Amino acid sequence: MSKIVKTILYTEGDIPEKAKQQVTEAAEKTIDYSDIPEMTGNEFQETLAEIKRRTKKVLFSLRLKPETIEGWKALAGNGYTTVM
């Protein structure tokens, strides 16, 4: 099954009020953990092993114009490759 993800990046002054309000409301909500059982040590180790197995990275190369890279650096600073 394919999934299409749409992401909108805003500069600091361009964030719509509705988006700001949604983020503020989400941040103020408390998370109810009462229905989540505690993990045993064995379950925790199995989960860590599964996460490690799933998070293997694949080398990916991309050629971009210098102007594009400078735009990403201006937008995200030192962590621009993570944002990309």
Protein backbone atom coordinates (compact mmCIF):
# COMPACT_ATOMS: atom_id res chain seq x y z
CA MET A 1 0.00 0.00 0.00
CA SER A 2 1.36 3.42 -0.95
CA LYS A 3 1.08 6.46 1.24
CA ILE A 4 1.32 10.05 0.04
CA VAL A 5 2.67 12.50 2.60
CA LYS A 6 2.31 16.22 2.11
CA THR A 7 4.59 18.48 4.11
CA ILE A 8 4.47 22.24 4.09
CA LEU A 9 7.55 24.13 5.27
CA TYR A 10 6.99 27.65 6.53
CA THR A 11 9.47 30.35 7.32
CA GLU A 12 9.08 31.73 10.84
CA GLY A 13 6.97 34.74 9.86
CA ASP A 14 4.72 32.82 7.45
CA ILE A 15 3.14 30.30 9.86
CA PRO A 16 -0.65 30.66 9.71
CA GLU A 17 -2.44 31.38 12.99
CA LYS A 18 -4.51 28.20 12.60
CA ALA A 19 -1.32 26.08 12.43
CA LYS A 20 0.12 27.86 15.48
CA GLN A 21 -3.11 27.24 17.39
CA GLN A 22 -3.14 23.52 16.46
CA VAL A 23 0.45 23.09 17.66
CA THR A 24 -0.25 24.94 20.90
CA GLU A 25 -3.35 22.83 21.60
CA ALA A 26 -1.50 19.58 20.88
CA ALA A 27 1.36 20.60 23.19
CA GLU A 28 -1.04 21.34 26.06
CA LYS A 29 -2.76 17.93 25.94
CA THR A 30 -1.65 15.33 28.45
CA ILE A 31 -0.99 11.78 27.35
CA ASP A 32 -2.83 9.01 29.18
CA TYR A 33 -0.45 6.07 29.65
CA SER A 34 -2.75 4.10 31.96
CA ASP A 35 -3.85 1.61 29.28
CA ILE A 36 -0.28 0.70 28.28
CA PRO A 37 1.15 -2.26 30.22
CA GLU A 38 4.76 -2.16 31.41
CA MET A 39 7.29 -4.09 29.35
CA THR A 40 9.30 -6.90 30.80
CA GLY A 41 13.08 -6.85 30.36
CA ASN A 42 12.83 -9.53 27.67
CA GLU A 43 10.15 -7.61 25.74
CA PHE A 44 12.28 -4.49 25.93
CA GLN A 45 15.34 -6.30 24.55
CA GLU A 46 13.26 -7.81 21.73
CA THR A 47 11.89 -4.37 20.87
CA LEU A 48 15.37 -2.85 20.77
CA ALA A 49 16.56 -5.65 18.49
CA GLU A 50 13.59 -5.07 16.17
CA ILE A 51 14.21 -1.33 16.04
CA LYS A 52 17.87 -1.91 15.24
CA ARG A 53 16.92 -4.35 12.49
CA ARG A 54 14.42 -1.92 10.94
CA THR A 55 16.62 1.17 11.08
CA LYS A 56 19.37 0.01 8.77
CA LYS A 57 20.29 2.92 6.56
CA VAL A 58 20.63 2.87 2.81
CA LEU A 59 23.17 5.04 1.00
CA PHE A 60 21.38 7.58 -1.18
CA SER A 61 23.10 10.07 -3.43
CA LEU A 62 21.50 13.22 -4.84
CA ARG A 63 23.01 15.94 -7.02
CA LEU A 64 21.59 19.41 -6.46
CA LYS A 65 22.41 22.89 -7.67
CA PRO A 66 24.50 24.95 -5.22
CA GLU A 67 21.61 27.43 -4.92
CA THR A 68 19.33 24.63 -3.72
CA ILE A 69 21.81 23.58 -1.02
CA GLU A 70 22.24 27.19 0.11
CA GLY A 71 18.45 27.53 0.35
CA TRP A 72 18.21 24.43 2.57
CA LYS A 73 21.10 25.68 4.73
CA ALA A 74 19.38 29.04 5.13
CA LEU A 75 16.12 27.32 6.04
CA ALA A 76 17.41 24.71 8.49
CA GLY A 77 20.98 25.65 9.45
CA ASN A 78 23.46 22.89 10.30
CA GLY A 79 20.77 20.21 10.32
CA TYR A 80 19.66 20.89 6.76
CA THR A 81 20.36 17.34 5.56
CA THR A 82 18.07 15.94 8.23
CA VAL A 83 15.26 18.25 7.15
CA MET A 84 15.75 17.31 3.50
